[in-house]
Amino acid sequence: MLDKIVPVDKDLCSTLLLGTYSFPAEIFYDNLDEYANNFVNWHQQKQVEISLILEGEAEVQVLEKKTRLRAGEAFLIFPDALHTLKKGSGQTVRYRTIIFDPVLLYGYKGSFYYEKYYRTFAKARPFYHFADTGECWEKEAVENLSWIFAHFGEASPHRELLVCEHLQRLWLLLCENLFDAGGKINYSAQEQQRTAVLLNFLHEHYREKFTLEQLAASAHISKGECCRFFKKMVHMTPWEYLLEYRLSRSMELLEKKDLNISEIAEMTGFCTVSYYITAFKRKTGDTPLEYRKKRSISALSQNALPGTEQTVTLTK
């Protein structure tokens, strides 16, 4: 079983297929344990994403803003916002997500509903956290979301209409309670694009040796600005992120039994095998060989269990 990643294009935009042209919405059920390095890789999408944490504690990051969520809490991410999701405190994190084209809310661009209830709101607040604060409207919003998850797959003759009804109820609660609220994420389209360029450079060249000057040049900024900007937006230095990414990709390759550790270290950009093993153990607590053995045992156990639910690859 390979570790999951969200498939993305060169702009880090998700290429997942969602629903159908006539009803562009899809439900996903996910477990962060099944993702490479236990986190969802950086990505964005052209649809609205709403996730509900079912178990554990997760940390969602939308560019420079980090938010911790517990079981029972939810979050919403608007289109074109770079984000990632990782474990909050080490335990299993399970969650459900609906990703849908916002056309289901407003009908078509330029409509009254688009201008008044979507465009302005989306520009002002690309992320929202439904916290467990006791607010009645937030509880009602999560109840509408839970209804969608429970009934989305039913073979009801009115399923699509009912799903849209509950999405619009949830949206009405947001508009009534948050339309002019504070807490905006202050980043520009230029910052969003620059972050995507830097991350994409690291993803394309992680196998190679390159300099900070080359990374900075990809975004047409100085080395000093590159370090400052990257740390601000990603909460890691470029080299810390590169190490995380290399380790994640090596975990995928460890699933392939025909590759030895030396080959995997070389294929993922580590200068020596000993450094790869040290970095891997520091991150996971296991050597690469120990990790491979545990994953093999886990895969055999899952295959032996009758009725094990299959999980669909997601963002969140």
Protein backbone atom coordinates (compact mmCIF):
# COMPACT_ATOMS: atom_id res chain seq x y z
CA MET A 1 0.00 0.00 0.00
CA LEU A 2 1.60 3.27 -1.13
CA ASP A 3 1.43 6.34 1.10
CA LYS A 4 -1.15 8.76 -0.23
CA ILE A 5 -0.56 12.17 -1.72
CA VAL A 6 -2.95 14.64 -3.32
CA PRO A 7 -2.15 14.66 -7.06
CA VAL A 8 -1.27 18.19 -8.20
CA ASP A 9 -0.18 20.00 -11.35
CA LYS A 10 2.77 22.40 -11.72
CA ASP A 11 0.81 25.16 -9.93
CA LEU A 12 0.09 22.82 -6.98
CA CYS A 13 -3.56 22.70 -8.02
CA SER A 14 -5.29 19.41 -7.18
CA THR A 15 -6.11 17.20 -10.17
CA LEU A 16 -8.59 14.99 -8.30
CA LEU A 17 -11.75 14.21 -10.24
CA LEU A 18 -14.79 15.45 -8.32
CA GLY A 19 -18.27 14.17 -9.00
CA THR A 20 -19.69 14.75 -12.47
CA TYR A 21 -20.15 17.75 -14.75
CA SER A 22 -23.86 17.87 -13.88
CA PHE A 23 -23.27 17.48 -10.10
CA PRO A 24 -19.69 18.57 -9.24
CA ALA A 25 -19.34 17.37 -5.66
CA GLU A 26 -17.53 14.51 -3.95
CA ILE A 27 -17.23 13.07 -0.43
CA PHE A 28 -13.94 11.70 0.95
CA TYR A 29 -13.11 9.71 4.08
CA ASP A 30 -9.48 9.91 5.17
CA ASN A 31 -6.94 8.95 7.82
CA LEU A 32 -3.72 10.99 8.14
CA ASP A 33 -1.81 7.81 9.06
CA GLU A 34 -2.14 6.77 5.41
CA TYR A 35 -0.50 9.90 4.03
CA ALA A 36 3.23 10.23 3.42
CA ASN A 37 4.85 11.54 6.61
CA ASN A 38 1.34 11.80 8.11
CA PHE A 39 0.47 15.07 6.42
CA VAL A 40 -1.44 16.15 3.33
CA ASN A 41 0.93 17.76 0.82
CA TRP A 42 0.58 21.46 -0.06
CA HIS A 43 -2.11 22.04 -2.66
CA GLN A 44 -4.97 24.25 -3.74
CA GLN A 45 -8.13 23.61 -5.73
CA LYS A 46 -10.78 25.42 -7.73
CA GLN A 47 -13.57 24.15 -5.48
CA VAL A 48 -14.77 24.80 -1.92
CA GLU A 49 -13.54 22.27 0.66
CA ILE A 50 -15.27 21.62 4.00
CA SER A 51 -13.87 19.00 6.40
CA LEU A 52 -15.09 17.59 9.71
CA ILE A 53 -12.60 16.07 12.16
CA LEU A 54 -13.97 12.74 13.39
CA GLU A 55 -11.11 11.59 15.61
CA GLY A 56 -7.86 13.03 16.94
CA GLU A 57 -6.40 16.50 16.66
CA ALA A 58 -5.28 18.08 13.39
CA GLU A 59 -3.49 21.25 12.32
CA VAL A 60 -4.59 22.94 9.13
CA GLN A 61 -2.34 25.59 7.59
CA VAL A 62 -3.53 28.06 4.96
CA LEU A 63 -0.37 29.80 3.81
CA GLU A 64 1.01 31.48 6.95
CA LYS A 65 -2.02 30.87 9.20
CA LYS A 66 -2.08 27.72 11.37
CA THR A 67 -5.21 26.47 13.16
CA ARG A 68 -5.57 23.48 15.47
CA LEU A 69 -8.81 21.47 15.36
CA ARG A 70 -10.24 18.79 17.63
CA ALA A 71 -12.76 16.04 16.96
CA GLY A 72 -16.18 17.55 16.26
CA GLU A 73 -14.75 20.73 14.75
CA ALA A 74 -14.74 21.62 11.06
CA PHE A 75 -13.00 23.95 8.64
CA LEU A 76 -13.81 25.54 5.29
CA ILE A 77 -11.27 26.49 2.62
CA PHE A 78 -12.17 28.62 -0.39
CA PRO A 79 -10.77 28.02 -3.88
CA ASP A 80 -7.18 28.98 -4.74
CA ALA A 81 -5.91 28.97 -1.15
CA LEU A 82 -2.71 26.92 -0.68
CA HIS A 83 -3.09 24.67 2.34
CA THR A 84 -1.91 21.52 4.09
CA LEU A 85 -3.12 19.30 6.94
CA LYS A 86 -1.05 17.41 9.50
CA LYS A 87 -1.41 15.64 12.84
CA GLY A 88 -1.80 17.87 15.86
CA SER A 89 -0.56 15.66 18.69
CA GLY A 90 0.51 12.33 17.26
CA GLN A 91 -2.61 10.19 17.55
CA THR A 92 -4.75 8.88 14.70
CA VAL A 93 -6.60 11.62 12.82
CA ARG A 94 -9.68 10.67 10.81
CA TYR A 95 -11.87 13.16 8.97
CA ARG A 96 -14.51 13.49 6.27
CA THR A 97 -14.52 16.10 3.54
CA ILE A 98 -16.87 17.42 0.90
CA ILE A 99 -15.32 19.22 -2.06
CA PHE A 100 -17.76 20.94 -4.38
CA ASP A 101 -17.90 23.51 -7.14
CA PRO A 102 -19.42 26.69 -5.62
CA VAL A 103 -21.70 26.88 -8.64
CA LEU A 104 -23.98 24.69 -6.50
CA LEU A 105 -24.40 27.73 -4.23
CA TYR A 106 -24.76 30.63 -6.65
CA GLY A 107 -25.84 29.16 -9.99
CA TYR A 108 -23.54 31.11 -12.32
CA LYS A 109 -20.90 33.84 -12.11
CA GLY A 110 -22.41 37.30 -12.18
CA SER A 111 -25.69 36.21 -10.61
CA PHE A 112 -27.19 38.09 -7.67
CA TYR A 113 -26.22 35.20 -5.36
CA TYR A 114 -22.66 35.15 -6.68
CA GLU A 115 -22.09 38.87 -6.10
CA LYS A 116 -23.83 39.22 -2.73
CA TYR A 117 -23.30 35.87 -1.02
CA TYR A 118 -20.15 34.36 -2.51
CA ARG A 119 -17.60 36.59 -4.24
CA THR A 120 -17.23 39.25 -1.56
CA PHE A 121 -17.20 36.70 1.24
CA ALA A 122 -14.64 34.49 -0.51
CA LYS A 123 -12.28 37.42 -1.15
CA ALA A 124 -12.46 38.58 2.46
CA ARG A 125 -12.01 35.25 4.21
CA PRO A 126 -10.43 32.28 2.39
CA PHE A 127 -10.53 30.06 5.51
CA TYR A 128 -12.96 29.53 8.37
CA HIS A 129 -12.72 27.34 11.48
CA PHE A 130 -15.95 26.03 13.00
CA ALA A 131 -14.70 25.86 16.58
CA ASP A 132 -16.33 23.97 19.44
CA THR A 133 -17.10 27.18 21.36
CA GLY A 134 -20.73 26.54 22.25
CA GLU A 135 -22.07 28.91 19.57
CA CYS A 136 -25.48 27.61 18.48
CA TRP A 137 -25.02 28.64 14.85
CA GLU A 138 -21.69 26.81 14.56
CA LYS A 139 -23.28 23.67 15.99
CA GLU A 140 -26.09 23.99 13.46
CA ALA A 141 -23.56 24.41 10.64
CA VAL A 142 -21.75 21.22 11.70
CA GLU A 143 -25.11 19.40 11.90
CA ASN A 144 -25.86 20.37 8.28
CA LEU A 145 -22.41 19.14 7.29
CA SER A 146 -22.93 15.86 9.16
CA TRP A 147 -26.27 15.35 7.40
CA ILE A 148 -24.54 15.72 4.02
CA PHE A 149 -21.92 13.13 4.96
CA ALA A 150 -24.57 10.71 6.21
CA HIS A 151 -26.88 10.98 3.18
CA PHE A 152 -24.63 11.89 0.23
CA GLY A 153 -24.34 8.30 -1.00
CA GLU A 154 -28.01 7.39 -0.64
CA ALA A 155 -29.96 6.33 -3.69
CA SER A 156 -32.67 8.91 -3.04
CA PRO A 157 -34.55 10.38 -6.02
CA HIS A 158 -33.98 13.86 -4.50
CA ARG A 159 -30.44 13.35 -3.18
CA GLU A 160 -28.78 16.16 -5.15
CA LEU A 161 -31.47 18.68 -4.25
CA LEU A 162 -31.26 17.80 -0.56
CA VAL A 163 -27.45 18.05 -0.55
CA CYS A 164 -27.66 21.51 -2.14
CA GLU A 165 -30.32 22.52 0.37
CA HIS A 166 -28.07 21.63 3.32
CA LEU A 167 -25.06 23.33 1.73
CA GLN A 168 -27.09 26.51 1.29
CA ARG A 169 -28.36 26.32 4.88
CA LEU A 170 -24.76 26.11 6.04
CA TRP A 171 -23.85 29.04 3.79
CA LEU A 172 -26.70 31.13 5.14
CA LEU A 173 -25.40 30.58 8.67
CA LEU A 174 -21.96 31.79 7.59
CA CYS A 175 -23.35 34.89 5.89
CA GLU A 176 -25.59 35.77 8.82
CA ASN A 177 -22.85 35.48 11.40
CA LEU A 178 -19.57 36.28 9.65
CA PHE A 179 -20.11 38.47 6.64
CA ASP A 180 -18.41 41.50 8.16
CA ALA A 181 -16.43 39.65 10.83
CA GLY A 182 -12.70 40.19 11.33
CA GLY A 183 -9.95 37.62 11.27
CA LYS A 184 -9.03 38.05 7.62
CA ILE A 185 -5.91 36.38 6.27
CA ASN A 186 -3.84 39.22 4.91
CA TYR A 187 -2.03 37.87 1.87
CA SER A 188 -2.12 39.02 -1.72
CA ALA A 189 -2.45 37.12 -4.96
CA GLN A 190 1.25 37.90 -5.55
CA GLU A 191 2.20 36.24 -2.23
CA GLN A 192 0.06 33.23 -3.09
CA GLN A 193 1.74 32.88 -6.48
CA ARG A 194 5.24 33.37 -5.06
CA THR A 195 4.66 30.65 -2.47
CA ALA A 196 3.48 28.25 -5.16
CA VAL A 197 6.56 29.00 -7.29
CA LEU A 198 8.98 28.32 -4.42
CA LEU A 199 7.23 25.11 -3.39
CA ASN A 200 7.06 23.93 -6.98
CA PHE A 201 10.80 24.52 -7.43
CA LEU A 202 11.52 22.38 -4.36
CA HIS A 203 9.18 19.65 -5.59
CA GLU A 204 10.79 19.57 -9.04
CA HIS A 205 14.42 19.68 -7.87
CA TYR A 206 14.38 17.79 -4.56
CA ARG A 207 16.52 14.99 -6.06
CA GLU A 208 19.25 17.45 -7.07
CA LYS A 209 21.83 19.65 -5.39
CA PHE A 210 20.90 23.33 -5.70
CA THR A 211 21.67 26.57 -3.92
CA LEU A 212 19.53 29.07 -2.05
CA GLU A 213 20.40 31.54 -4.80
CA GLN A 214 18.83 29.25 -7.41
CA LEU A 215 15.69 28.81 -5.30
CA ALA A 216 15.38 32.57 -4.80
CA ALA A 217 15.96 33.24 -8.50
CA SER A 218 12.97 31.02 -9.38
CA ALA A 219 10.74 33.64 -7.70
CA HIS A 220 12.88 36.64 -8.74
CA ILE A 221 13.75 37.63 -5.17
CA SER A 222 16.96 37.91 -3.13
CA LYS A 223 18.29 35.11 -0.91
CA GLY A 224 17.45 37.07 2.23
CA GLU A 225 13.90 37.78 1.07
CA CYS A 226 13.49 34.14 0.05
CA CYS A 227 14.33 32.89 3.55
CA ARG A 228 12.19 35.54 5.27
CA PHE A 229 9.20 35.05 2.99
CA PHE A 230 9.32 31.23 3.04
CA LYS A 231 9.53 31.15 6.85
CA LYS A 232 6.59 33.57 7.10
CA MET A 233 4.34 31.63 4.74
CA VAL A 234 5.28 28.00 5.45
CA HIS A 235 6.56 28.24 9.05
CA MET A 236 9.71 26.33 8.05
CA THR A 237 12.97 27.31 6.41
CA PRO A 238 13.35 26.14 2.79
CA TRP A 239 15.81 23.45 3.92
CA GLU A 240 13.53 22.19 6.70
CA TYR A 241 10.70 21.87 4.18
CA LEU A 242 13.01 20.19 1.65
CA LEU A 243 14.03 17.59 4.24
CA GLU A 244 10.36 16.90 5.09
CA TYR A 245 9.53 16.53 1.41
CA ARG A 246 12.47 14.21 0.70
CA LEU A 247 11.52 12.01 3.64
CA SER A 248 7.91 11.89 2.43
CA ARG A 249 8.95 10.80 -1.05
CA SER A 250 11.32 8.20 0.39
CA MET A 251 8.41 6.70 2.35
CA GLU A 252 6.59 6.13 -0.94
CA LEU A 253 9.64 4.37 -2.39
CA LEU A 254 10.04 2.17 0.70
CA GLU A 255 6.82 0.43 -0.39
CA LYS A 256 8.73 -0.92 -3.41
CA LYS A 257 10.53 -4.01 -2.21
CA ASP A 258 12.87 -4.09 -5.21
CA LEU A 259 14.62 -0.88 -4.11
CA ASN A 260 17.31 -0.99 -1.44
CA ILE A 261 17.98 1.79 1.07
CA SER A 262 21.02 3.13 -0.81
CA GLU A 263 18.98 3.47 -4.00
CA ILE A 264 16.14 5.23 -2.19
CA ALA A 265 18.54 7.66 -0.49
CA GLU A 266 20.06 8.57 -3.86
CA MET A 267 16.68 8.86 -5.61
CA THR A 268 15.38 11.30 -2.99
CA GLY A 269 18.36 13.64 -2.90
CA PHE A 270 20.21 12.55 0.24
CA CYS A 271 23.96 13.00 -0.06
CA THR A 272 24.80 9.89 1.99
CA VAL A 273 22.94 6.80 3.16
CA SER A 274 23.98 7.40 6.76
CA TYR A 275 22.51 10.91 6.74
CA TYR A 276 19.27 9.57 5.24
CA ILE A 277 18.96 6.87 7.92
CA THR A 278 19.73 9.39 10.71
CA ALA A 279 17.20 11.94 9.41
CA PHE A 280 14.55 9.27 8.88
CA LYS A 281 14.93 7.86 12.40
CA ARG A 282 14.89 11.33 13.95
CA LYS A 283 11.60 12.04 12.17
CA THR A 284 9.77 8.70 12.59
CA GLY A 285 11.53 6.89 15.42
CA ASP A 286 12.37 4.00 13.06
CA THR A 287 15.10 3.29 10.55
CA PRO A 288 13.93 3.01 6.92
CA LEU A 289 14.16 -0.80 7.12
CA GLU A 290 12.15 -0.89 10.36
CA TYR A 291 9.55 1.40 8.78
CA ARG A 292 9.34 -0.83 5.69
CA LYS A 293 8.85 -3.93 7.84
CA LYS A 294 6.08 -2.29 9.94
CA ARG A 295 4.27 -1.08 6.81
CA SER A 296 4.41 -4.58 5.33
CA ILE A 297 2.94 -6.10 8.49
CA SER A 298 0.25 -3.41 8.61
CA ALA A 299 -0.72 -4.02 4.97
CA LEU A 300 -0.96 -7.77 5.57
CA SER A 301 -3.14 -7.19 8.64
CA GLN A 302 -5.51 -4.91 6.73
CA ASN A 303 -5.81 -7.38 3.88
CA ALA A 304 -6.63 -10.14 6.37
CA LEU A 305 -9.46 -8.20 8.01
CA PRO A 306 -12.88 -8.84 6.46
CA GLY A 307 -14.99 -5.83 5.60
CA THR A 308 -12.16 -3.27 5.90
CA GLU A 309 -13.39 0.06 4.55
CA GLN A 310 -11.46 1.41 1.59
CA THR A 311 -10.37 5.02 1.87
CA VAL A 312 -10.36 7.45 -1.03
CA THR A 313 -7.38 9.71 -1.69
CA LEU A 314 -8.03 13.29 -0.63
CA THR A 315 -6.90 16.68 0.09
CA LYS A 316 -7.40 18.05 3.29
